[in-house]
């Protein structure tokens, strides 16, 4: 299998996900309604939502590191975190 095939598959999956997101936003009222809803959020609530999201991502990364070590894969934390966040 060449390197090109996984890259093409990844591109197709990313574009499919983007298309689904665009259709979803349009079917639920469009970008204007979405942005209007965001503008009604209180800054403290928005900060709380972003903090909880960051916390869950951090805990999922810790779990990922644990699972990697359970199968014998040892990666340095910083590059592993970069790869995890990029994916």
Protein backbone atom coordinates (compact mmCIF):
# COMPACT_ATOMS: atom_id res chain seq x y z
CA UNK A 1 0.00 0.00 0.00
CA UNK A 2 1.44 3.35 -0.97
CA UNK A 3 1.51 6.41 1.25
CA UNK A 4 -0.81 8.20 -1.13
CA UNK A 5 -3.79 5.91 -0.50
CA UNK A 6 -4.14 6.67 3.26
CA UNK A 7 -3.70 10.38 2.52
CA UNK A 8 -6.51 10.30 -0.02
CA UNK A 9 -8.72 8.36 2.40
CA UNK A 10 -8.00 10.89 5.17
CA UNK A 11 -8.82 13.79 2.85
CA UNK A 12 -12.10 12.17 1.82
CA UNK A 13 -13.07 11.57 5.46
CA UNK A 14 -12.21 15.15 6.48
CA UNK A 15 -14.16 16.60 3.57
CA UNK A 16 -17.12 14.33 4.36
CA UNK A 17 -17.09 15.50 7.97
CA UNK A 18 -16.94 19.13 6.88
CA UNK A 19 -19.85 18.59 4.47
CA UNK A 20 -21.96 17.01 7.22
CA UNK A 21 -21.17 19.95 9.54
CA UNK A 22 -22.16 22.50 6.88
CA UNK A 23 -25.44 20.69 6.14
CA UNK A 24 -26.18 20.41 9.85
CA UNK A 25 -25.64 24.15 10.46
CA UNK A 26 -27.78 25.05 7.43
CA UNK A 27 -30.62 22.72 8.43
CA UNK A 28 -30.71 24.12 11.97
CA UNK A 29 -31.09 27.76 10.98
CA UNK A 30 -27.86 28.75 9.26
CA UNK A 31 -24.68 30.42 10.42
CA UNK A 32 -26.44 33.63 11.47
CA UNK A 33 -28.64 31.80 13.98
CA UNK A 34 -25.63 29.84 15.27
CA UNK A 35 -23.60 33.02 15.82
CA UNK A 36 -26.58 34.77 17.41
CA UNK A 37 -26.88 31.91 19.89
CA UNK A 38 -23.18 32.12 20.70
CA UNK A 39 -23.40 35.86 21.26
CA UNK A 40 -26.13 35.34 23.89
CA UNK A 41 -23.86 33.19 26.06
CA UNK A 42 -22.52 34.88 29.14
CA UNK A 43 -18.71 35.07 29.14
CA UNK A 44 -18.51 33.07 32.38
CA UNK A 45 -20.61 30.25 30.90
CA UNK A 46 -18.48 30.21 27.75
CA UNK A 47 -15.33 30.06 29.87
CA UNK A 48 -16.82 27.20 31.90
CA UNK A 49 -17.73 25.27 28.74
CA UNK A 50 -14.25 25.73 27.27
CA UNK A 51 -12.63 24.71 30.57
CA UNK A 52 -14.68 21.53 30.86
CA UNK A 53 -13.88 20.66 27.24
CA UNK A 54 -10.15 21.18 27.84
CA UNK A 55 -10.33 19.06 30.99
CA UNK A 56 -12.02 16.17 29.15
CA UNK A 57 -9.45 16.34 26.33
CA UNK A 58 -6.66 16.24 28.93
CA UNK A 59 -8.17 13.20 30.69
CA UNK A 60 -8.64 11.41 27.37
CA UNK A 61 -4.96 12.07 26.59
CA UNK A 62 -3.93 10.63 29.95
CA UNK A 63 -6.03 7.54 29.19
CA UNK A 64 -4.43 7.31 25.74
CA UNK A 65 -0.95 7.39 27.30
CA UNK A 66 -1.98 4.69 29.76
CA UNK A 67 -3.31 2.45 26.97
CA UNK A 68 -0.15 2.95 24.93
CA UNK A 69 1.99 1.92 27.88
CA UNK A 70 -0.18 -1.12 28.55
CA UNK A 71 0.67 -2.43 25.07
CA UNK A 72 4.36 -1.61 25.49
CA UNK A 73 4.57 1.63 23.52
CA UNK A 74 6.58 4.31 25.30
CA UNK A 75 6.43 7.78 23.79
CA UNK A 76 7.66 11.06 25.25
CA UNK A 77 4.77 13.10 26.62
CA UNK A 78 5.25 16.31 24.62
CA UNK A 79 5.42 14.79 21.10
CA UNK A 80 2.64 12.36 22.03
CA UNK A 81 0.42 15.24 23.19
CA UNK A 82 1.12 17.11 19.95
CA UNK A 83 0.15 14.06 17.90
CA UNK A 84 -2.93 13.45 20.03
CA UNK A 85 -4.17 17.03 19.68
CA UNK A 86 -3.45 17.04 15.95
CA UNK A 87 -5.59 14.00 15.41
